[in-house]
Amino acid sequence: MRHYNDLEIIQGIRAKDNKILNYLYDTYFGMIYEMVSKNSGNEDDARDTLQEAILLTYKKIRNGSLELTTTFASYFFTVCWHIWMRELRNRQTEMNNLMEYYYLEQGADNQLTKQYEQQRKYRLYQEHFQRLGKECQKLLKLFLRKYPIKEIARIMGHKSEKAAKKKKYICKERLVNSIKNDKRFGEYHGRK
C-alpha cells in the first residue's frame, strides 16, 4: 500500500478522493478500533467514529479552520478520541435517564430508590478509582483489605510504614478531590 504524506491526505480529503479515503480506513481503522474497544465500544462504533472524524476533518478543511500543529496521524487520532468520549458521555447520560425513568415508572419504593442512588455513587467512585495510577490503586486496595501497615510497606516497596501511610494519604486525597470535582458529585449530594 502506498504511503501518503500529510499534505496529500488533506488534499485528498478536500477532493473526496476515494484512494485517500480508503487509505484512511486501511491505515487508521485498527488503531481506532483498539481505542474504541478498550473503552466499551465495538467494531461498528469504531467505524462510525472513523467516519465521523473524516467528515469533521473534511468540514474543517473546507472552511479553512484546520490547523495542524502535529502530524495528521496524531491530529486524526485525537479527533477520533474526542468523538468517542463524547459518544460515551451521551450513552451514559441516556442510560442514567432510562434508569431514572424506569424507577419512576415502577413507582419504586424507598428501598429501591436508595439502592439505585447507592449504585450511582459507587459507579462514580469506581470511575475515578480507575483513573488513579496503578500504584495508588494497589495501595488503596491493600488498605481496604485491612492488610497490616508493615505488610503494605513491604509489598509496595516503601522504606518505612510512615512512607506507606504518607503515600496512602496522597492517593486518597487524589481520589477524593477527583470525585468532588466531578459535577455528578454535587448532584448526588444535593448541590446543583
N, C-alpha and C. Protein backbone atom coordinates (compact mmCIF):
# COMPACT_ATOMS: atom_id res chain seq x y z
N MET A 1 0.85 -1.19 0.00
CA MET A 1 0.00 0.00 0.00
C MET A 1 0.89 1.24 0.00
N ARG A 2 0.52 2.19 -0.81
CA ARG A 2 1.27 3.44 -0.91
C ARG A 2 1.05 4.28 0.34
N HIS A 3 2.10 4.95 0.79
CA HIS A 3 2.01 5.84 1.94
C HIS A 3 1.83 7.28 1.44
N TYR A 4 0.92 8.02 2.05
CA TYR A 4 0.66 9.41 1.67
C TYR A 4 1.16 10.33 2.78
N ASN A 5 1.71 11.48 2.37
CA ASN A 5 2.14 12.44 3.39
C ASN A 5 0.94 13.28 3.82
N ASP A 6 1.13 14.11 4.84
CA ASP A 6 0.03 14.88 5.42
C ASP A 6 -0.66 15.78 4.39
N LEU A 7 0.12 16.45 3.54
CA LEU A 7 -0.45 17.34 2.54
C LEU A 7 -1.29 16.57 1.53
N GLU A 8 -0.80 15.42 1.09
CA GLU A 8 -1.56 14.60 0.15
C GLU A 8 -2.87 14.11 0.79
N ILE A 9 -2.82 13.78 2.06
CA ILE A 9 -4.04 13.34 2.75
C ILE A 9 -5.05 14.47 2.82
N ILE A 10 -4.61 15.64 3.21
CA ILE A 10 -5.51 16.79 3.33
C ILE A 10 -6.11 17.15 1.97
N GLN A 11 -5.27 17.18 0.93
CA GLN A 11 -5.77 17.48 -0.41
C GLN A 11 -6.75 16.39 -0.88
N GLY A 12 -6.46 15.15 -0.55
CA GLY A 12 -7.33 14.04 -0.93
C GLY A 12 -8.67 14.11 -0.22
N ILE A 13 -8.67 14.47 1.06
CA ILE A 13 -9.94 14.61 1.79
C ILE A 13 -10.75 15.75 1.18
N ARG A 14 -10.07 16.87 0.90
CA ARG A 14 -10.76 18.02 0.30
C ARG A 14 -11.43 17.63 -1.02
N ALA A 15 -10.72 16.81 -1.83
CA ALA A 15 -11.23 16.40 -3.14
C ALA A 15 -12.15 15.17 -3.07
N LYS A 16 -12.34 14.64 -1.86
CA LYS A 16 -13.13 13.41 -1.66
C LYS A 16 -12.59 12.27 -2.51
N ASP A 17 -11.27 12.21 -2.57
CA ASP A 17 -10.56 11.19 -3.36
C ASP A 17 -10.72 9.82 -2.69
N ASN A 18 -11.31 8.87 -3.40
CA ASN A 18 -11.55 7.54 -2.83
C ASN A 18 -10.27 6.83 -2.42
N LYS A 19 -9.17 7.06 -3.14
CA LYS A 19 -7.90 6.43 -2.77
C LYS A 19 -7.48 6.89 -1.37
N ILE A 20 -7.64 8.17 -1.11
CA ILE A 20 -7.25 8.73 0.20
C ILE A 20 -8.22 8.25 1.27
N LEU A 21 -9.51 8.24 0.97
CA LEU A 21 -10.49 7.79 1.97
C LEU A 21 -10.26 6.32 2.31
N ASN A 22 -10.00 5.50 1.32
CA ASN A 22 -9.67 4.09 1.58
C ASN A 22 -8.37 3.97 2.37
N TYR A 23 -7.41 4.82 2.04
CA TYR A 23 -6.14 4.84 2.77
C TYR A 23 -6.37 5.16 4.25
N LEU A 24 -7.25 6.12 4.53
CA LEU A 24 -7.56 6.47 5.92
C LEU A 24 -8.15 5.27 6.65
N TYR A 25 -9.10 4.59 6.03
CA TYR A 25 -9.70 3.40 6.66
C TYR A 25 -8.65 2.32 6.88
N ASP A 26 -7.87 2.05 5.85
CA ASP A 26 -6.86 0.98 5.95
C ASP A 26 -5.80 1.31 6.99
N THR A 27 -5.40 2.55 7.04
CA THR A 27 -4.30 2.95 7.93
C THR A 27 -4.74 3.13 9.37
N TYR A 28 -5.91 3.71 9.60
CA TYR A 28 -6.29 4.12 10.95
C TYR A 28 -7.34 3.25 11.63
N PHE A 29 -8.04 2.41 10.86
CA PHE A 29 -9.13 1.66 11.48
C PHE A 29 -8.65 0.79 12.64
N GLY A 30 -7.56 0.06 12.47
CA GLY A 30 -7.07 -0.82 13.54
C GLY A 30 -6.80 -0.06 14.83
N MET A 31 -6.15 1.08 14.70
CA MET A 31 -5.81 1.90 15.85
C MET A 31 -7.08 2.44 16.53
N ILE A 32 -8.04 2.90 15.71
CA ILE A 32 -9.28 3.45 16.25
C ILE A 32 -10.11 2.34 16.89
N TYR A 33 -10.15 1.18 16.24
CA TYR A 33 -10.90 0.05 16.80
C TYR A 33 -10.32 -0.36 18.16
N GLU A 34 -9.01 -0.37 18.27
CA GLU A 34 -8.38 -0.73 19.56
C GLU A 34 -8.77 0.26 20.65
N MET A 35 -8.72 1.56 20.32
CA MET A 35 -9.07 2.59 21.30
C MET A 35 -10.54 2.47 21.70
N VAL A 36 -11.43 2.29 20.73
CA VAL A 36 -12.86 2.21 21.00
C VAL A 36 -13.19 0.95 21.79
N SER A 37 -12.60 -0.18 21.39
CA SER A 37 -12.93 -1.44 22.08
C SER A 37 -12.42 -1.45 23.51
N LYS A 38 -11.34 -0.75 23.79
CA LYS A 38 -10.85 -0.65 25.17
C LYS A 38 -11.71 0.28 26.01
N ASN A 39 -12.60 1.01 25.34
CA ASN A 39 -13.47 1.96 26.03
C ASN A 39 -14.94 1.68 25.74
N SER A 40 -15.32 0.41 25.91
CA SER A 40 -16.73 -0.03 25.88
C SER A 40 -17.39 0.03 24.50
N GLY A 41 -16.61 -0.01 23.44
CA GLY A 41 -17.20 0.04 22.11
C GLY A 41 -16.98 -1.23 21.33
N ASN A 42 -17.54 -1.27 20.12
CA ASN A 42 -17.38 -2.44 19.27
C ASN A 42 -16.92 -2.00 17.88
N GLU A 43 -16.89 -2.94 16.94
CA GLU A 43 -16.39 -2.65 15.60
C GLU A 43 -17.24 -1.60 14.88
N ASP A 44 -18.56 -1.70 15.02
CA ASP A 44 -19.43 -0.71 14.39
C ASP A 44 -19.20 0.68 14.98
N ASP A 45 -19.00 0.74 16.29
CA ASP A 45 -18.71 2.02 16.93
C ASP A 45 -17.42 2.62 16.37
N ALA A 46 -16.41 1.77 16.15
CA ALA A 46 -15.14 2.24 15.60
C ALA A 46 -15.34 2.77 14.19
N ARG A 47 -16.12 2.07 13.38
CA ARG A 47 -16.39 2.53 12.00
C ARG A 47 -17.11 3.88 12.03
N ASP A 48 -18.12 4.00 12.89
CA ASP A 48 -18.86 5.26 13.00
C ASP A 48 -17.95 6.40 13.44
N THR A 49 -17.09 6.11 14.42
CA THR A 49 -16.17 7.12 14.93
C THR A 49 -15.22 7.57 13.83
N LEU A 50 -14.67 6.62 13.09
CA LEU A 50 -13.74 6.94 12.00
C LEU A 50 -14.44 7.77 10.93
N GLN A 51 -15.65 7.38 10.57
CA GLN A 51 -16.40 8.10 9.55
C GLN A 51 -16.72 9.52 10.01
N GLU A 52 -17.13 9.66 11.25
CA GLU A 52 -17.44 10.99 11.78
C GLU A 52 -16.18 11.86 11.82
N ALA A 53 -15.04 11.27 12.15
CA ALA A 53 -13.78 12.01 12.18
C ALA A 53 -13.40 12.49 10.79
N ILE A 54 -13.62 11.65 9.78
CA ILE A 54 -13.33 12.06 8.40
C ILE A 54 -14.23 13.22 8.00
N LEU A 55 -15.52 13.12 8.33
CA LEU A 55 -16.46 14.21 8.00
C LEU A 55 -16.09 15.51 8.70
N LEU A 56 -15.75 15.40 9.97
CA LEU A 56 -15.36 16.59 10.73
C LEU A 56 -14.09 17.21 10.14
N THR A 57 -13.13 16.37 9.79
CA THR A 57 -11.89 16.86 9.19
C THR A 57 -12.18 17.51 7.84
N TYR A 58 -13.05 16.88 7.06
CA TYR A 58 -13.44 17.44 5.76
C TYR A 58 -14.03 18.84 5.93
N LYS A 59 -14.94 18.99 6.90
CA LYS A 59 -15.57 20.29 7.13
C LYS A 59 -14.54 21.33 7.53
N LYS A 60 -13.59 20.94 8.39
CA LYS A 60 -12.55 21.88 8.82
C LYS A 60 -11.64 22.27 7.66
N ILE A 61 -11.35 21.33 6.79
CA ILE A 61 -10.53 21.64 5.61
C ILE A 61 -11.29 22.60 4.70
N ARG A 62 -12.56 22.31 4.47
CA ARG A 62 -13.37 23.13 3.55
C ARG A 62 -13.55 24.56 4.06
N ASN A 63 -13.75 24.71 5.39
CA ASN A 63 -13.98 26.08 5.89
C ASN A 63 -12.68 26.77 6.33
N GLY A 64 -11.56 26.08 6.14
CA GLY A 64 -10.26 26.70 6.41
C GLY A 64 -9.87 26.75 7.88
N SER A 65 -10.56 26.01 8.73
CA SER A 65 -10.25 26.08 10.16
C SER A 65 -9.30 24.97 10.64
N LEU A 66 -8.89 24.09 9.72
CA LEU A 66 -7.97 23.02 10.12
C LEU A 66 -6.57 23.59 10.30
N GLU A 67 -6.04 23.44 11.50
CA GLU A 67 -4.67 23.87 11.80
C GLU A 67 -3.92 22.68 12.37
N LEU A 68 -2.99 22.16 11.60
CA LEU A 68 -2.19 21.04 12.08
C LEU A 68 -1.00 21.57 12.84
N THR A 69 -0.94 21.25 14.12
CA THR A 69 0.22 21.63 14.93
C THR A 69 1.05 20.39 15.24
N THR A 70 0.62 19.27 14.68
CA THR A 70 1.29 17.99 14.88
C THR A 70 1.12 17.19 13.58
N THR A 71 1.45 15.93 13.58
CA THR A 71 1.25 15.12 12.38
C THR A 71 -0.24 14.89 12.16
N PHE A 72 -0.60 14.58 10.93
CA PHE A 72 -2.00 14.29 10.65
C PHE A 72 -2.47 13.10 11.47
N ALA A 73 -1.60 12.09 11.60
CA ALA A 73 -1.97 10.88 12.36
C ALA A 73 -2.34 11.24 13.79
N SER A 74 -1.54 12.06 14.44
CA SER A 74 -1.82 12.47 15.83
C SER A 74 -3.11 13.28 15.90
N TYR A 75 -3.24 14.21 14.97
CA TYR A 75 -4.46 15.03 14.92
C TYR A 75 -5.69 14.14 14.76
N PHE A 76 -5.63 13.23 13.80
CA PHE A 76 -6.78 12.38 13.48
C PHE A 76 -7.15 11.47 14.64
N PHE A 77 -6.14 10.89 15.30
CA PHE A 77 -6.42 10.04 16.45
C PHE A 77 -7.09 10.85 17.56
N THR A 78 -6.60 12.06 17.79
CA THR A 78 -7.17 12.93 18.82
C THR A 78 -8.64 13.26 18.51
N VAL A 79 -8.93 13.54 17.24
CA VAL A 79 -10.31 13.81 16.83
C VAL A 79 -11.17 12.58 17.12
N CYS A 80 -10.69 11.40 16.74
CA CYS A 80 -11.44 10.17 17.00
C CYS A 80 -11.66 9.96 18.49
N TRP A 81 -10.63 10.22 19.28
CA TRP A 81 -10.72 10.06 20.74
C TRP A 81 -11.84 10.96 21.30
N HIS A 82 -11.84 12.22 20.89
CA HIS A 82 -12.84 13.16 21.40
C HIS A 82 -14.25 12.77 20.95
N ILE A 83 -14.37 12.32 19.71
CA ILE A 83 -15.68 11.89 19.21
C ILE A 83 -16.18 10.71 20.04
N TRP A 84 -15.31 9.73 20.29
CA TRP A 84 -15.74 8.54 21.04
C TRP A 84 -16.05 8.88 22.50
N MET A 85 -15.27 9.75 23.13
CA MET A 85 -15.54 10.13 24.52
C MET A 85 -16.87 10.86 24.62
N ARG A 86 -17.17 11.71 23.63
CA ARG A 86 -18.47 12.41 23.62
C ARG A 86 -19.60 11.39 23.49
N GLU A 87 -19.41 10.40 22.61
CA GLU A 87 -20.42 9.36 22.43
C GLU A 87 -20.65 8.58 23.73
N LEU A 88 -19.56 8.24 24.43
CA LEU A 88 -19.70 7.52 25.70
C LEU A 88 -20.45 8.36 26.73
N ARG A 89 -20.14 9.65 26.81
CA ARG A 89 -20.86 10.53 27.75
C ARG A 89 -22.35 10.56 27.40
N ASN A 90 -22.66 10.66 26.10
CA ASN A 90 -24.06 10.68 25.68
C ASN A 90 -24.76 9.37 26.04
N ARG A 91 -24.08 8.26 25.83
CA ARG A 91 -24.67 6.96 26.16
C ARG A 91 -24.90 6.83 27.66
N GLN A 92 -23.93 7.29 28.45
CA GLN A 92 -24.07 7.21 29.90
C GLN A 92 -25.24 8.05 30.37
N THR A 93 -25.37 9.25 29.80
CA THR A 93 -26.49 10.13 30.15
C THR A 93 -27.81 9.47 29.79
N GLU A 94 -27.87 8.88 28.58
CA GLU A 94 -29.10 8.20 28.16
C GLU A 94 -29.42 7.04 29.10
N MET A 95 -28.40 6.26 29.47
CA MET A 95 -28.62 5.12 30.36
C MET A 95 -29.11 5.59 31.73
N ASN A 96 -28.50 6.63 32.24
CA ASN A 96 -28.95 7.16 33.54
C ASN A 96 -30.39 7.66 33.46
N ASN A 97 -30.73 8.33 32.35
CA ASN A 97 -32.10 8.82 32.18
C ASN A 97 -33.09 7.66 32.09
N LEU A 98 -32.70 6.61 31.36
CA LEU A 98 -33.57 5.44 31.26
C LEU A 98 -33.78 4.77 32.61
N MET A 99 -32.69 4.65 33.37
CA MET A 99 -32.79 4.03 34.69
C MET A 99 -33.68 4.86 35.61
N GLU A 100 -33.50 6.17 35.58
CA GLU A 100 -34.33 7.03 36.41
C GLU A 100 -35.79 6.92 36.00
N TYR A 101 -36.04 6.92 34.71
CA TYR A 101 -37.41 6.78 34.20
C TYR A 101 -38.00 5.44 34.63
N TYR A 102 -37.20 4.39 34.52
CA TYR A 102 -37.67 3.06 34.90
C TYR A 102 -38.10 3.04 36.37
N TYR A 103 -37.26 3.59 37.24
CA TYR A 103 -37.58 3.58 38.66
C TYR A 103 -38.81 4.44 38.97
N LEU A 104 -38.94 5.55 38.25
CA LEU A 104 -40.12 6.39 38.45
C LEU A 104 -41.38 5.68 37.97
N GLU A 105 -41.29 5.04 36.79
CA GLU A 105 -42.43 4.32 36.22
C GLU A 105 -42.86 3.16 37.11
N GLN A 106 -41.91 2.50 37.72
CA GLN A 106 -42.20 1.35 38.55
C GLN A 106 -42.77 1.76 39.90
N GLY A 107 -42.79 3.09 40.14
CA GLY A 107 -43.24 3.55 41.44
C GLY A 107 -42.34 2.97 42.52
N ALA A 108 -41.05 3.01 42.25
CA ALA A 108 -40.07 2.37 43.12
C ALA A 108 -40.25 2.82 44.56
N ASP A 109 -40.24 1.84 45.43
CA ASP A 109 -40.35 2.17 46.84
C ASP A 109 -39.05 2.81 47.31
N ASN A 110 -39.06 3.28 48.51
CA ASN A 110 -37.91 3.99 49.07
C ASN A 110 -36.65 3.13 49.05
N GLN A 111 -36.77 1.86 49.32
CA GLN A 111 -35.61 0.96 49.36
C GLN A 111 -34.96 0.86 47.98
N LEU A 112 -35.76 0.71 46.94
CA LEU A 112 -35.22 0.63 45.57
C LEU A 112 -34.53 1.93 45.19
N THR A 113 -35.14 3.04 45.54
CA THR A 113 -34.56 4.35 45.24
C THR A 113 -33.20 4.50 45.92
N LYS A 114 -33.13 4.10 47.18
CA LYS A 114 -31.86 4.17 47.91
C LYS A 114 -30.81 3.28 47.25
N GLN A 115 -31.20 2.08 46.85
CA GLN A 115 -30.25 1.16 46.20
C GLN A 115 -29.75 1.76 44.89
N TYR A 116 -30.65 2.36 44.14
CA TYR A 116 -30.27 2.97 42.87
C TYR A 116 -29.28 4.10 43.10
N GLU A 117 -29.56 4.95 44.08
CA GLU A 117 -28.66 6.06 44.38
C GLU A 117 -27.29 5.55 44.84
N GLN A 118 -27.28 4.52 45.66
CA GLN A 118 -26.01 3.94 46.10
C GLN A 118 -25.22 3.40 44.91
N GLN A 119 -25.93 2.76 44.00
CA GLN A 119 -25.28 2.20 42.83
C GLN A 119 -24.66 3.31 41.98
N ARG A 120 -25.36 4.41 41.80
CA ARG A 120 -24.82 5.54 41.03
C ARG A 120 -23.58 6.12 41.71
N LYS A 121 -23.62 6.26 43.02
CA LYS A 121 -22.47 6.78 43.75
C LYS A 121 -21.28 5.83 43.64
N TYR A 122 -21.56 4.53 43.72
CA TYR A 122 -20.49 3.54 43.61
C TYR A 122 -19.86 3.58 42.22
N ARG A 123 -20.68 3.73 41.18
CA ARG A 123 -20.15 3.83 39.81
C ARG A 123 -19.25 5.05 39.68
N LEU A 124 -19.65 6.16 40.29
CA LEU A 124 -18.83 7.37 40.27
C LEU A 124 -17.49 7.11 40.95
N TYR A 125 -17.55 6.47 42.11
CA TYR A 125 -16.32 6.13 42.83
C TYR A 125 -15.42 5.24 41.96
N GLN A 126 -16.00 4.19 41.38
CA GLN A 126 -15.23 3.25 40.57
C GLN A 126 -14.59 3.94 39.37
N GLU A 127 -15.34 4.81 38.74
CA GLU A 127 -14.83 5.53 37.57
C GLU A 127 -13.58 6.33 37.94
N HIS A 128 -13.63 7.03 39.06
CA HIS A 128 -12.50 7.86 39.47
C HIS A 128 -11.36 6.99 40.02
N PHE A 129 -11.71 5.90 40.67
CA PHE A 129 -10.68 4.98 41.18
C PHE A 129 -9.86 4.43 40.01
N GLN A 130 -10.54 4.10 38.90
CA GLN A 130 -9.85 3.54 37.73
C GLN A 130 -8.92 4.56 37.08
N ARG A 131 -9.14 5.83 37.31
CA ARG A 131 -8.29 6.89 36.75
C ARG A 131 -7.00 7.07 37.54
N LEU A 132 -6.98 6.56 38.76
CA LEU A 132 -5.75 6.65 39.56
C LEU A 132 -4.67 5.81 38.91
N GLY A 133 -3.42 6.11 39.22
CA GLY A 133 -2.33 5.28 38.74
C GLY A 133 -2.40 3.89 39.37
N LYS A 134 -1.75 2.93 38.72
CA LYS A 134 -1.78 1.54 39.18
C LYS A 134 -1.23 1.42 40.61
N GLU A 135 -0.21 2.19 40.92
CA GLU A 135 0.39 2.12 42.26
C GLU A 135 -0.61 2.56 43.33
N CYS A 136 -1.30 3.67 43.06
CA CYS A 136 -2.31 4.15 44.02
C CYS A 136 -3.45 3.15 44.16
N GLN A 137 -3.89 2.58 43.04
CA GLN A 137 -4.96 1.60 43.11
C GLN A 137 -4.57 0.42 43.99
N LYS A 138 -3.37 -0.10 43.77
CA LYS A 138 -2.89 -1.26 44.52
C LYS A 138 -2.79 -0.93 46.01
N LEU A 139 -2.22 0.24 46.31
CA LEU A 139 -2.02 0.66 47.70
C LEU A 139 -3.37 0.79 48.42
N LEU A 140 -4.32 1.47 47.79
CA LEU A 140 -5.62 1.66 48.42
C LEU A 140 -6.38 0.33 48.59
N LYS A 141 -6.23 -0.56 47.63
CA LYS A 141 -6.87 -1.88 47.76
C LYS A 141 -6.32 -2.64 48.97
N LEU A 142 -5.01 -2.55 49.17
CA LEU A 142 -4.39 -3.22 50.32
C LEU A 142 -4.93 -2.66 51.63
N PHE A 143 -5.07 -1.34 51.71
CA PHE A 143 -5.62 -0.71 52.91
C PHE A 143 -7.07 -1.13 53.13
N LEU A 144 -7.84 -1.16 52.03
CA LEU A 144 -9.25 -1.56 52.15
C LEU A 144 -9.40 -3.01 52.59
N ARG A 145 -8.44 -3.83 52.22
CA ARG A 145 -8.47 -5.24 52.62
C ARG A 145 -7.88 -5.45 54.02
N LYS A 146 -7.55 -4.35 54.66
CA LYS A 146 -7.08 -4.33 56.04
C LYS A 146 -5.76 -5.08 56.26
N TYR A 147 -4.87 -4.99 55.27
CA TYR A 147 -3.53 -5.53 55.46
C TYR A 147 -2.83 -4.71 56.53
N PRO A 148 -1.97 -5.32 57.35
CA PRO A 148 -1.20 -4.54 58.33
C PRO A 148 -0.28 -3.55 57.61
N ILE A 149 -0.10 -2.39 58.19
CA ILE A 149 0.69 -1.34 57.56
C ILE A 149 2.11 -1.80 57.25
N LYS A 150 2.67 -2.62 58.13
CA LYS A 150 4.02 -3.13 57.91
C LYS A 150 4.06 -3.98 56.63
N GLU A 151 3.05 -4.80 56.44
CA GLU A 151 2.95 -5.66 55.26
C GLU A 151 2.74 -4.83 53.99
N ILE A 152 1.93 -3.78 54.10
CA ILE A 152 1.69 -2.90 52.94
C ILE A 152 2.99 -2.22 52.53
N ALA A 153 3.74 -1.73 53.49
CA ALA A 153 5.02 -1.08 53.19
C ALA A 153 5.95 -2.05 52.47
N ARG A 154 5.97 -3.30 52.92
CA ARG A 154 6.84 -4.31 52.31
C ARG A 154 6.40 -4.61 50.87
N ILE A 155 5.09 -4.85 50.69
CA ILE A 155 4.56 -5.18 49.37
C ILE A 155 4.80 -4.06 48.38
N MET A 156 4.60 -2.83 48.83
CA MET A 156 4.72 -1.67 47.94
C MET A 156 6.16 -1.20 47.77
N GLY A 157 7.07 -1.76 48.55
CA GLY A 157 8.47 -1.39 48.41
C GLY A 157 8.81 -0.05 49.06
N HIS A 158 8.03 0.35 50.07
CA HIS A 158 8.32 1.59 50.78
C HIS A 158 9.36 1.34 51.86
N LYS A 159 10.14 2.34 52.17
CA LYS A 159 11.23 2.19 53.13
C LYS A 159 10.73 2.08 54.57
N SER A 160 9.53 2.61 54.80
CA SER A 160 9.02 2.57 56.17
C SER A 160 7.49 2.58 56.16
N GLU A 161 6.94 2.31 57.33
CA GLU A 161 5.48 2.36 57.48
C GLU A 161 4.99 3.79 57.30
N LYS A 162 5.80 4.73 57.76
CA LYS A 162 5.44 6.15 57.64
C LYS A 162 5.32 6.55 56.16
N ALA A 163 6.25 6.05 55.33
CA ALA A 163 6.21 6.34 53.90
C ALA A 163 4.95 5.75 53.26
N ALA A 164 4.57 4.56 53.68
CA ALA A 164 3.36 3.92 53.15
C ALA A 164 2.12 4.72 53.54
N LYS A 165 2.08 5.19 54.81
CA LYS A 165 0.93 5.99 55.27
C LYS A 165 0.84 7.30 54.49
N LYS A 166 2.01 7.91 54.25
CA LYS A 166 2.03 9.18 53.52
C LYS A 166 1.53 8.97 52.10
N LYS A 167 1.99 7.90 51.45
CA LYS A 167 1.55 7.61 50.08
C LYS A 167 0.05 7.31 50.05
N LYS A 168 -0.45 6.61 51.05
CA LYS A 168 -1.89 6.32 51.13
C LYS A 168 -2.67 7.63 51.23
N TYR A 169 -2.20 8.55 52.06
CA TYR A 169 -2.85 9.84 52.22
C TYR A 169 -2.90 10.59 50.89
N ILE A 170 -1.78 10.60 50.16
CA ILE A 170 -1.70 11.30 48.88
C ILE A 170 -2.69 10.67 47.88
N CYS A 171 -2.69 9.34 47.80
CA CYS A 171 -3.57 8.64 46.87
C CYS A 171 -5.04 8.88 47.21
N LYS A 172 -5.35 8.81 48.50
CA LYS A 172 -6.73 9.00 48.95
C LYS A 172 -7.18 10.43 48.64
N GLU A 173 -6.32 11.41 48.85
CA GLU A 173 -6.66 12.80 48.57
C GLU A 173 -6.90 13.01 47.07
N ARG A 174 -6.07 12.37 46.24
CA ARG A 174 -6.26 12.45 44.79
C ARG A 174 -7.65 11.93 44.41
N LEU A 175 -8.00 10.79 44.98
CA LEU A 175 -9.28 10.16 44.68
C LEU A 175 -10.43 11.06 45.15
N VAL A 176 -10.36 11.52 46.37
CA VAL A 176 -11.43 12.36 46.93
C VAL A 176 -11.59 13.64 46.12
N ASN A 177 -10.49 14.31 45.80
CA ASN A 177 -10.56 15.55 45.03
C ASN A 177 -11.11 15.32 43.63
N SER A 178 -10.71 14.22 43.02
CA SER A 178 -11.21 13.88 41.69
C SER A 178 -12.72 13.69 41.72
N ILE A 179 -13.21 12.98 42.72
CA ILE A 179 -14.65 12.74 42.85
C ILE A 179 -15.39 14.04 43.13
N LYS A 180 -14.86 14.84 44.06
CA LYS A 180 -15.53 16.08 44.44
C LYS A 180 -15.59 17.08 43.28
N ASN A 181 -14.63 17.01 42.36
CA ASN A 181 -14.61 17.92 41.21
C ASN A 181 -15.51 17.45 40.07
N ASP A 182 -16.08 16.28 40.20
CA ASP A 182 -17.00 15.76 39.19
C ASP A 182 -18.36 16.39 39.44
N LYS A 183 -18.99 16.93 38.39
CA LYS A 183 -20.28 17.62 38.57
C LYS A 183 -21.35 16.70 39.14
N ARG A 184 -21.24 15.39 38.88
CA ARG A 184 -22.24 14.45 39.40
C ARG A 184 -22.18 14.36 40.92
N PHE A 185 -21.02 14.62 41.52
CA PHE A 185 -20.89 14.57 42.97
C PHE A 185 -21.86 15.53 43.63
N GLY A 186 -21.91 16.76 43.10
CA GLY A 186 -22.82 17.76 43.64
C GLY A 186 -24.28 17.36 43.49
N GLU A 187 -24.60 16.73 42.35
CA GLU A 187 -25.97 16.26 42.12
C GLU A 187 -26.35 15.18 43.11
N TYR A 188 -25.44 14.29 43.41
CA TYR A 188 -25.71 13.17 44.33
C TYR A 188 -25.81 13.63 45.77
N HIS A 189 -25.20 14.77 46.05
CA HIS A 189 -25.17 15.24 47.43
C HIS A 189 -25.92 16.54 47.62
N GLY A 190 -26.90 16.79 46.74
CA GLY A 190 -27.81 17.92 46.93
C GLY A 190 -27.25 19.28 46.58
N ARG A 191 -26.08 19.34 45.90
CA ARG A 191 -25.52 20.63 45.49
C ARG A 191 -25.58 20.69 43.97
N LYS A 192 -26.37 21.57 43.43
CA LYS A 192 -26.52 21.66 41.96
C LYS A 192 -25.62 22.72 41.41
